[in-house]
PDB file of N, CA and C in Angstrom:
ATOM      1  N   UNK A   1      32.893  16.965 -11.096  1.00  0.00           N
ATOM      2  CA  UNK A   1      33.073  16.579  -9.553  1.00  0.00           C
ATOM      3  C   UNK A   1      32.711  16.651  -8.544  1.00  0.00           C
ATOM      4  N   UNK A   2      33.508  16.091  -7.462  1.00  0.00           N
ATOM      5  CA  UNK A   2      32.867  17.014  -6.000  1.00  0.00           C
ATOM      6  C   UNK A   2      33.260  17.701  -4.801  1.00  0.00           C
ATOM      7  N   UNK A   3      32.449  18.128  -4.654  1.00  0.00           N
ATOM      8  CA  UNK A   3      32.867  19.062  -4.493  1.00  0.00           C
ATOM      9  C   UNK A   3      32.349  18.799  -3.182  1.00  0.00           C
ATOM     10  N   UNK A   4      33.725  18.471  -1.838  1.00  0.00           N
ATOM     11  CA  UNK A   4      33.194  18.459  -0.571  1.00  0.00           C
ATOM     12  C   UNK A   4      34.127  19.403   0.134  1.00  0.00           C
ATOM     13  N   UNK A   5      33.593  21.132   0.130  1.00  0.00           N
ATOM     14  CA  UNK A   5      33.603  21.604   0.518  1.00  0.00           C
ATOM     15  C   UNK A   5      32.358  22.176   1.111  1.00  0.00           C
ATOM     16  N   UNK A   6      31.342  21.669   0.939  1.00  0.00           N
ATOM     17  CA  UNK A   6      29.933  21.696   0.959  1.00  0.00           C
ATOM     18  C   UNK A   6      29.742  21.140   2.339  1.00  0.00           C
ATOM     19  N   UNK A   7      30.498  19.999   2.079  1.00  0.00           N
ATOM     20  CA  UNK A   7      30.240  19.087   3.940  1.00  0.00           C
ATOM     21  C   UNK A   7      31.381  19.808   4.515  1.00  0.00           C
ATOM     22  N   UNK A   8      32.342  20.495   4.418  1.00  0.00           N
ATOM     23  CA  UNK A   8      33.136  20.143   5.006  1.00  0.00           C
ATOM     24  C   UNK A   8      33.284  21.682   6.296  1.00  0.00           C
ATOM     25  N   UNK A   9      31.845  22.995   5.145  1.00  0.00           N
ATOM     26  CA  UNK A   9      31.596  23.000   5.756  1.00  0.00           C
ATOM     27  C   UNK A   9      30.588  22.951   6.846  1.00  0.00           C
ATOM     28  N   UNK A  10      30.230  22.140   7.045  1.00  0.00           N
ATOM     29  CA  UNK A  10      28.678  21.532   7.454  1.00  0.00           C
ATOM     30  C   UNK A  10      27.409  22.614   7.046  1.00  0.00           C
ATOM     31  N   UNK A  11      27.003  22.898   6.115  1.00  0.00           N
ATOM     32  CA  UNK A  11      25.772  23.273   5.674  1.00  0.00           C
ATOM     33  C   UNK A  11      25.026  21.813   4.967  1.00  0.00           C
ATOM     34  N   UNK A  12      25.824  20.514   4.677  1.00  0.00           N
ATOM     35  CA  UNK A  12      24.952  19.494   4.175  1.00  0.00           C
ATOM     36  C   UNK A  12      25.167  19.039   5.283  1.00  0.00           C
ATOM     37  N   UNK A  13      26.230  18.724   6.404  1.00  0.00           N
ATOM     38  CA  UNK A  13      26.422  17.607   7.431  1.00  0.00           C
ATOM     39  C   UNK A  13      26.651  16.068   6.465  1.00  0.00           C
ATOM     40  N   UNK A  14      27.620  15.736   7.647  1.00  0.00           N
ATOM     41  CA  UNK A  14      27.717  14.499   6.699  1.00  0.00           C
ATOM     42  C   UNK A  14      27.270  13.624   6.067  1.00  0.00           C
ATOM     43  N   UNK A  15      28.006  13.034   4.981  1.00  0.00           N
ATOM     44  CA  UNK A  15      27.238  12.701   3.975  1.00  0.00           C
ATOM     45  C   UNK A  15      26.707  11.024   4.418  1.00  0.00           C
ATOM     46  N   UNK A  16      28.120  10.362   5.637  1.00  0.00           N
ATOM     47  CA  UNK A  16      27.156   9.424   5.963  1.00  0.00           C
ATOM     48  C   UNK A  16      26.359   9.344   6.312  1.00  0.00           C
ATOM     49  N   UNK A  17      25.286  11.165   7.042  1.00  0.00           N
ATOM     50  CA  UNK A  17      23.932  11.462   7.780  1.00  0.00           C
ATOM     51  C   UNK A  17      22.955  11.280   6.604  1.00  0.00           C
ATOM     52  N   UNK A  18      23.090  11.477   5.665  1.00  0.00           N
ATOM     53  CA  UNK A  18      21.790  11.859   5.004  1.00  0.00           C
ATOM     54  C   UNK A  18      21.341  10.485   3.828  1.00  0.00           C
ATOM     55  N   UNK A  19      22.756   9.681   4.096  1.00  0.00           N
ATOM     56  CA  UNK A  19      22.649   8.401   3.654  1.00  0.00           C
ATOM     57  C   UNK A  19      21.707   7.349   4.515  1.00  0.00           C
ATOM     58  N   UNK A  20      21.816   7.482   5.603  1.00  0.00           N
ATOM     59  CA  UNK A  20      21.134   6.775   6.880  1.00  0.00           C
ATOM     60  C   UNK A  20      19.548   6.988   7.190  1.00  0.00           C
ATOM     61  N   UNK A  21      19.484   8.939   6.779  1.00  0.00           N
ATOM     62  CA  UNK A  21      18.211   9.314   6.831  1.00  0.00           C
ATOM     63  C   UNK A  21      17.374   9.198   5.230  1.00  0.00           C
ATOM     64  N   UNK A  22      18.074   8.880   4.299  1.00  0.00           N
ATOM     65  CA  UNK A  22      17.821   8.013   2.889  1.00  0.00           C
ATOM     66  C   UNK A  22      17.271   6.825   3.200  1.00  0.00           C
ATOM     67  N   UNK A  23      17.812   5.844   4.117  1.00  0.00           N
ATOM     68  CA  UNK A  23      17.130   4.404   4.340  1.00  0.00           C
ATOM     69  C   UNK A  23      15.882   4.258   4.739  1.00  0.00           C
ATOM     70  N   UNK A  24      16.692   5.025   6.107  1.00  0.00           N
ATOM     71  CA  UNK A  24      15.307   4.681   7.142  1.00  0.00           C
ATOM     72  C   UNK A  24      13.964   5.433   6.647  1.00  0.00           C
ATOM     73  N   UNK A  25      13.958   6.437   6.218  1.00  0.00           N
ATOM     74  CA  UNK A  25      12.862   6.951   4.966  1.00  0.00           C
ATOM     75  C   UNK A  25      12.215   5.821   3.893  1.00  0.00           C
ATOM     76  N   UNK A  26      13.202   4.954   3.334  1.00  0.00           N
ATOM     77  CA  UNK A  26      12.750   4.659   2.181  1.00  0.00           C
ATOM     78  C   UNK A  26      12.533   3.156   2.633  1.00  0.00           C
ATOM     79  N   UNK A  27      13.049   2.568   3.843  1.00  0.00           N
ATOM     80  CA  UNK A  27      12.143   2.140   4.796  1.00  0.00           C
ATOM     81  C   UNK A  27      11.427   2.068   5.359  1.00  0.00           C
ATOM     82  N   UNK A  28      10.300   3.054   5.624  1.00  0.00           N
ATOM     83  CA  UNK A  28       9.453   3.398   6.454  1.00  0.00           C
ATOM     84  C   UNK A  28       8.158   2.943   5.148  1.00  0.00           C
ATOM     85  N   UNK A  29       8.292   4.313   4.324  1.00  0.00           N
ATOM     86  CA  UNK A  29       7.655   4.272   3.083  1.00  0.00           C
ATOM     87  C   UNK A  29       6.859   2.432   1.969  1.00  0.00           C
ATOM     88  N   UNK A  30       8.464   1.816   2.663  1.00  0.00           N
ATOM     89  CA  UNK A  30       7.881   0.502   1.812  1.00  0.00           C
ATOM     90  C   UNK A  30       7.237  -0.002   3.098  1.00  0.00           C
ATOM     91  N   UNK A  31       6.822  -0.107   3.973  1.00  0.00           N
ATOM     92  CA  UNK A  31       6.843  -0.569   4.478  1.00  0.00           C
ATOM     93  C   UNK A  31       4.860  -0.052   4.961  1.00  0.00           C
ATOM     94  N   UNK A  32       5.475   1.499   4.889  1.00  0.00           N
ATOM     95  CA  UNK A  32       3.378   1.905   4.947  1.00  0.00           C
ATOM     96  C   UNK A  32       2.702   1.413   3.510  1.00  0.00           C
ATOM     97  N   UNK A  33       3.818   1.588   2.138  1.00  0.00           N
ATOM     98  CA  UNK A  33       2.959   0.843   1.040  1.00  0.00           C
ATOM     99  C   UNK A  33       2.708  -1.290   1.274  1.00  0.00           C
ATOM    100  N   UNK A  34       3.372  -1.227   1.753  1.00  0.00           N
ATOM    101  CA  UNK A  34       2.881  -2.663   2.260  1.00  0.00           C
ATOM    102  C   UNK A  34       2.046  -3.547   3.390  1.00  0.00           C
ATOM    103  N   UNK A  35       1.380  -2.337   4.187  1.00  0.00           N
ATOM    104  CA  UNK A  35       0.844  -2.375   5.272  1.00  0.00           C
ATOM    105  C   UNK A  35      -0.711  -1.602   4.260  1.00  0.00           C
ATOM    106  N   UNK A  36      -0.882  -1.085   3.816  1.00  0.00           N
ATOM    107  CA  UNK A  36      -1.295  -0.814   2.515  1.00  0.00           C
ATOM    108  C   UNK A  36      -2.276  -2.136   1.897  1.00  0.00           C
ATOM    109  N   UNK A  37      -1.098  -2.447   1.349  1.00  0.00           N
ATOM    110  CA  UNK A  37      -1.570  -4.063   0.669  1.00  0.00           C
ATOM    111  C   UNK A  37      -2.019  -4.871   1.200  1.00  0.00           C
ATOM    112  N   UNK A  38      -1.990  -4.893   2.029  1.00  0.00           N
ATOM    113  CA  UNK A  38      -2.019  -5.935   3.106  1.00  0.00           C
ATOM    114  C   UNK A  38      -3.370  -5.730   3.914  1.00  0.00           C
ATOM    115  N   UNK A  39      -4.116  -4.634   3.674  1.00  0.00           N
ATOM    116  CA  UNK A  39      -5.042  -4.398   5.212  1.00  0.00           C
ATOM    117  C   UNK A  39      -6.260  -4.173   3.501  1.00  0.00           C
ATOM    118  N   UNK A  40      -5.833  -4.272   2.473  1.00  0.00           N
ATOM    119  CA  UNK A  40      -6.474  -4.200   1.812  1.00  0.00           C
ATOM    120  C   UNK A  40      -7.489  -5.376   0.874  1.00  0.00           C
ATOM    121  N   UNK A  41      -6.282  -6.586   0.990  1.00  0.00           N
ATOM    122  CA  UNK A  41      -6.403  -7.688   0.766  1.00  0.00           C
ATOM    123  C   UNK A  41      -6.873  -8.683   1.839  1.00  0.00           C
ATOM    124  N   UNK A  42      -8.527  -9.250   1.136  1.00  0.00           N
ATOM    125  CA  UNK A  42      -9.886  -9.263   1.653  1.00  0.00           C
ATOM    126  C   UNK A  42      -9.736 -11.080   1.772  1.00  0.00           C
ATOM    127  N   UNK A  43     -10.212 -11.486   2.090  1.00  0.00           N
ATOM    128  CA  UNK A  43      -9.935 -13.104   2.042  1.00  0.00           C
ATOM    129  C   UNK A  43     -11.581 -13.354   2.236  1.00  0.00           C
ATOM    130  N   UNK A  44     -12.388 -14.153   1.905  1.00  0.00           N
ATOM    131  CA  UNK A  44     -13.934 -14.445   2.296  1.00  0.00           C
ATOM    132  C   UNK A  44     -14.010 -15.828   2.217  1.00  0.00           C
ATOM    133  N   UNK A  45     -14.260 -17.047   3.556  1.00  0.00           N
ATOM    134  CA  UNK A  45     -14.882 -18.185   4.408  1.00  0.00           C
ATOM    135  C   UNK A  45     -14.936 -18.749   3.639  1.00  0.00           C
ATOM    136  N   UNK A  46     -15.512 -19.538   3.767  1.00  0.00           N
ATOM    137  CA  UNK A  46     -16.800 -20.336   2.527  1.00  0.00           C
ATOM    138  C   UNK A  46     -18.031 -20.236   3.308  1.00  0.00           C
ATOM    139  N   UNK A  47     -18.411 -19.913   4.152  1.00  0.00           N
ATOM    140  CA  UNK A  47     -20.459 -19.119   4.948  1.00  0.00           C
ATOM    141  C   UNK A  47     -20.306 -17.653   4.628  1.00  0.00           C
ATOM    142  N   UNK A  48     -19.235 -17.767   3.992  1.00  0.00           N
ATOM    143  CA  UNK A  48     -19.928 -15.729   3.693  1.00  0.00           C
ATOM    144  C   UNK A  48     -19.729 -15.270   2.139  1.00  0.00           C
ATOM    145  N   UNK A  49     -20.737 -14.547   1.600  1.00  0.00           N
ATOM    146  CA  UNK A  49     -20.256 -13.856  -0.535  1.00  0.00           C
ATOM    147  C   UNK A  49     -19.772 -12.365   0.851  1.00  0.00           C
ATOM    148  N   UNK A  50     -18.531 -12.585  -0.036  1.00  0.00           N
ATOM    149  CA  UNK A  50     -17.508 -11.190   0.034  1.00  0.00           C
ATOM    150  C   UNK A  50     -18.347 -10.372  -1.657  1.00  0.00           C
ATOM    151  N   UNK A  51     -18.406  -9.418  -1.033  1.00  0.00           N
ATOM    152  CA  UNK A  51     -19.551  -8.350  -2.393  1.00  0.00           C
ATOM    153  C   UNK A  51     -18.634  -7.328  -2.384  1.00  0.00           C
ATOM    154  N   UNK A  52     -17.498  -7.150  -3.853  1.00  0.00           N
ATOM    155  CA  UNK A  52     -17.256  -5.737  -3.620  1.00  0.00           C
ATOM    156  C   UNK A  52     -18.162  -4.727  -4.763  1.00  0.00           C
ATOM    157  N   UNK A  53     -18.063  -3.621  -4.316  1.00  0.00           N
ATOM    158  CA  UNK A  53     -18.341  -2.855  -5.144  1.00  0.00           C
ATOM    159  C   UNK A  53     -18.236  -1.222  -5.433  1.00  0.00           C
ATOM    160  N   UNK A  54     -18.801  -0.977  -6.582  1.00  0.00           N
ATOM    161  CA  UNK A  54     -17.485   0.506  -7.083  1.00  0.00           C
ATOM    162  C   UNK A  54     -17.167   0.457  -8.137  1.00  0.00           C
ATOM    163  N   UNK A  55     -16.133   0.557  -8.808  1.00  0.00           N
ATOM    164  CA  UNK A  55     -15.945   0.537 -10.138  1.00  0.00           C
ATOM    165  C   UNK A  55     -15.274  -0.988 -10.063  1.00  0.00           C
ATOM    166  N   UNK A  56     -15.318  -1.474 -11.126  1.00  0.00           N
ATOM    167  CA  UNK A  56     -14.743  -3.037 -10.764  1.00  0.00           C
ATOM    168  C   UNK A  56     -14.809  -3.325 -12.073  1.00  0.00           C
ATOM    169  N   UNK A  57     -14.512  -2.077 -12.740  1.00  0.00           N
ATOM    170  CA  UNK A  57     -14.492  -3.045 -14.144  1.00  0.00           C
ATOM    171  C   UNK A  57     -15.545  -3.584 -15.365  1.00  0.00           C
ATOM    172  N   UNK A  58     -15.859  -4.188 -16.490  1.00  0.00           N
ATOM    173  CA  UNK A  58     -16.617  -4.654 -17.353  1.00  0.00           C
ATOM    174  C   UNK A  58     -17.748  -3.812 -17.459  1.00  0.00           C
ATOM    175  N   UNK A  59     -18.175  -3.103 -17.426  1.00  0.00           N
ATOM    176  CA  UNK A  59     -19.782  -2.520 -16.987  1.00  0.00           C
ATOM    177  C   UNK A  59     -20.329  -2.728 -15.700  1.00  0.00           C
ATOM    178  N   UNK A  60     -19.900  -3.353 -15.144  1.00  0.00           N
ATOM    179  CA  UNK A  60     -20.423  -4.475 -13.451  1.00  0.00           C
ATOM    180  C   UNK A  60     -19.911  -3.102 -12.322  1.00  0.00           C
ATOM    181  N   UNK A  61     -21.405  -3.191 -12.009  1.00  0.00           N
ATOM    182  CA  UNK A  61     -20.947  -1.943 -10.083  1.00  0.00           C
ATOM    183  C   UNK A  61     -20.322  -3.063  -9.365  1.00  0.00           C
ATOM    184  N   UNK A  62     -20.638  -4.854  -9.049  1.00  0.00           N
ATOM    185  CA  UNK A  62     -20.996  -5.319  -8.436  1.00  0.00           C
ATOM    186  C   UNK A  62     -19.549  -6.620  -8.266  1.00  0.00           C
ATOM    187  N   UNK A  63     -19.368  -7.271  -7.707  1.00  0.00           N
ATOM    188  CA  UNK A  63     -18.402  -8.145  -8.436  1.00  0.00           C
ATOM    189  C   UNK A  63     -18.255  -9.154  -6.810  1.00  0.00           C
ATOM    190  N   UNK A  64     -18.487 -10.617  -7.117  1.00  0.00           N
ATOM    191  CA  UNK A  64     -19.318 -11.733  -5.396  1.00  0.00           C
ATOM    192  C   UNK A  64     -17.936 -12.409  -5.812  1.00  0.00           C
ATOM    193  N   UNK A  65     -17.085 -12.421  -4.521  1.00  0.00           N
ATOM    194  CA  UNK A  65     -16.460 -13.833  -4.373  1.00  0.00           C
ATOM    195  C   UNK A  65     -17.043 -14.706  -3.402  1.00  0.00           C
ATOM    196  N   UNK A  66     -17.002 -16.369  -3.566  1.00  0.00           N
ATOM    197  CA  UNK A  66     -17.365 -16.774  -2.944  1.00  0.00           C
ATOM    198  C   UNK A  66     -15.908 -17.738  -3.046  1.00  0.00           C
ATOM    199  N   UNK A  67     -14.981 -17.613  -1.143  1.00  0.00           N
ATOM    200  CA  UNK A  67     -14.346 -18.866  -0.458  1.00  0.00           C
ATOM    201  C   UNK A  67     -12.775 -18.535  -1.207  1.00  0.00           C
ATOM    202  N   UNK A  68     -13.163 -17.361  -1.751  1.00  0.00           N
ATOM    203  CA  UNK A  68     -11.907 -17.258  -2.607  1.00  0.00           C
ATOM    204  C   UNK A  68     -10.948 -15.696  -2.141  1.00  0.00           C
ATOM    205  N   UNK A  69      -9.908 -14.893  -2.883  1.00  0.00           N
ATOM    206  CA  UNK A  69      -9.695 -13.701  -1.164  1.00  0.00           C
ATOM    207  C   UNK A  69      -9.402 -13.311  -3.297  1.00  0.00           C
ATOM    208  N   UNK A  70      -9.537 -12.217  -2.703  1.00  0.00           N
ATOM    209  CA  UNK A  70      -9.634 -10.210  -3.460  1.00  0.00           C
ATOM    210  C   UNK A  70      -8.863  -8.880  -3.098  1.00  0.00           C
ATOM    211  N   UNK A  71      -8.441  -8.232  -3.716  1.00  0.00           N
ATOM    212  CA  UNK A  71      -8.075  -7.160  -3.172  1.00  0.00           C
ATOM    213  C   UNK A  71      -8.752  -6.024  -3.210  1.00  0.00           C
ATOM    214  N   UNK A  72      -9.241  -5.045  -2.839  1.00  0.00           N
ATOM    215  CA  UNK A  72      -9.726  -4.195  -2.837  1.00  0.00           C
ATOM    216  C   UNK A  72      -9.179  -2.644  -3.155  1.00  0.00           C
ATOM    217  N   UNK A  73      -9.518  -2.467  -3.999  1.00  0.00           N
ATOM    218  CA  UNK A  73      -9.263  -0.845  -4.537  1.00  0.00           C
ATOM    219  C   UNK A  73      -9.567   0.369  -3.645  1.00  0.00           C
ATOM    220  N   UNK A  74      -8.245   0.947  -2.748  1.00  0.00           N
ATOM    221  CA  UNK A  74      -8.692   2.116  -2.079  1.00  0.00           C
ATOM    222  C   UNK A  74      -9.217   2.945  -2.753  1.00  0.00           C
ATOM    223  N   UNK A  75     -10.365   3.886  -2.364  1.00  0.00           N
ATOM    224  CA  UNK A  75     -10.777   5.349  -2.945  1.00  0.00           C
ATOM    225  C   UNK A  75     -12.014   4.788  -3.563  1.00  0.00           C
ATOM    226  N   UNK A  76     -12.006   3.903  -4.521  1.00  0.00           N
ATOM    227  CA  UNK A  76     -12.586   3.867  -5.854  1.00  0.00           C
ATOM    228  C   UNK A  76     -13.485   2.228  -5.659  1.00  0.00           C
ATOM    229  N   UNK A  77     -13.573   0.817  -4.946  1.00  0.00           N
ATOM    230  CA  UNK A  77     -14.495   0.166  -4.495  1.00  0.00           C
ATOM    231  C   UNK A  77     -13.689   0.134  -2.909  1.00  0.00           C
ATOM    232  N   UNK A  78     -15.482  -0.745  -2.542  1.00  0.00           N
ATOM    233  CA  UNK A  78     -15.787  -0.653  -1.438  1.00  0.00           C
ATOM    234  C   UNK A  78     -15.781  -2.670  -1.103  1.00  0.00           C
ATOM    235  N   UNK A  79     -16.252  -3.288  -0.082  1.00  0.00           N
ATOM    236  CA  UNK A  79     -16.346  -4.536   0.385  1.00  0.00           C
ATOM    237  C   UNK A  79     -17.814  -4.489   1.154  1.00  0.00           C
ATOM    238  N   UNK A  80     -18.265  -5.964   1.263  1.00  0.00           N
ATOM    239  CA  UNK A  80     -18.930  -6.373   1.722  1.00  0.00           C
ATOM    240  C   UNK A  80     -19.741  -7.135   1.801  1.00  0.00           C
ATOM    241  N   UNK A  81     -19.632  -7.826   3.538  1.00  0.00           N
ATOM    242  CA  UNK A  81     -19.498  -9.774   3.543  1.00  0.00           C
ATOM    243  C   UNK A  81     -21.001  -9.990   3.684  1.00  0.00           C
ATOM    244  N   UNK A  82     -21.598 -10.334   2.986  1.00  0.00           N
ATOM    245  CA  UNK A  82     -23.038 -11.261   3.617  1.00  0.00           C
ATOM    246  C   UNK A  82     -23.007 -13.087   4.075  1.00  0.00           C
ATOM    247  N   UNK A  83     -23.893 -13.166   4.502  1.00  0.00           N
ATOM    248  CA  UNK A  83     -24.102 -14.812   5.327  1.00  0.00           C
ATOM    249  C   UNK A  83     -25.004 -15.285   4.449  1.00  0.00           C
ATOM    250  N   UNK A  84     -24.557 -16.207   4.458  1.00  0.00           N
ATOM    251  CA  UNK A  84     -24.659 -17.294   3.306  1.00  0.00           C
ATOM    252  C   UNK A  84     -26.422 -18.738   4.500  1.00  0.00           C
TER     253      UNK A  84
END
C-alpha cells in the first residue's frame, strides 16, 4: 500500500520532483560513463605505432597496434605512440 501522508506532510516533497531528480542523476551518470569510454578509446594513425603497456593479458607486458584502434583500460594500462 502507498502511504500518501508522507508526501502530503512535505517530508519527501512532491513525487514528481523525485522522479525528475532521478532522471537527471541517471543522465549525468550515463554521460560521464560514455565520456570515459570515448576518452580511453585510442586510434592509431598509419604513420605511428600505438604501444599499450601494463596488464594486457596472455602473460605479455605490452601490446602493439598499427593502423587500428584499441581500448585502454584506465588505472590498469597506459599507452604511448611511437613514430615510424
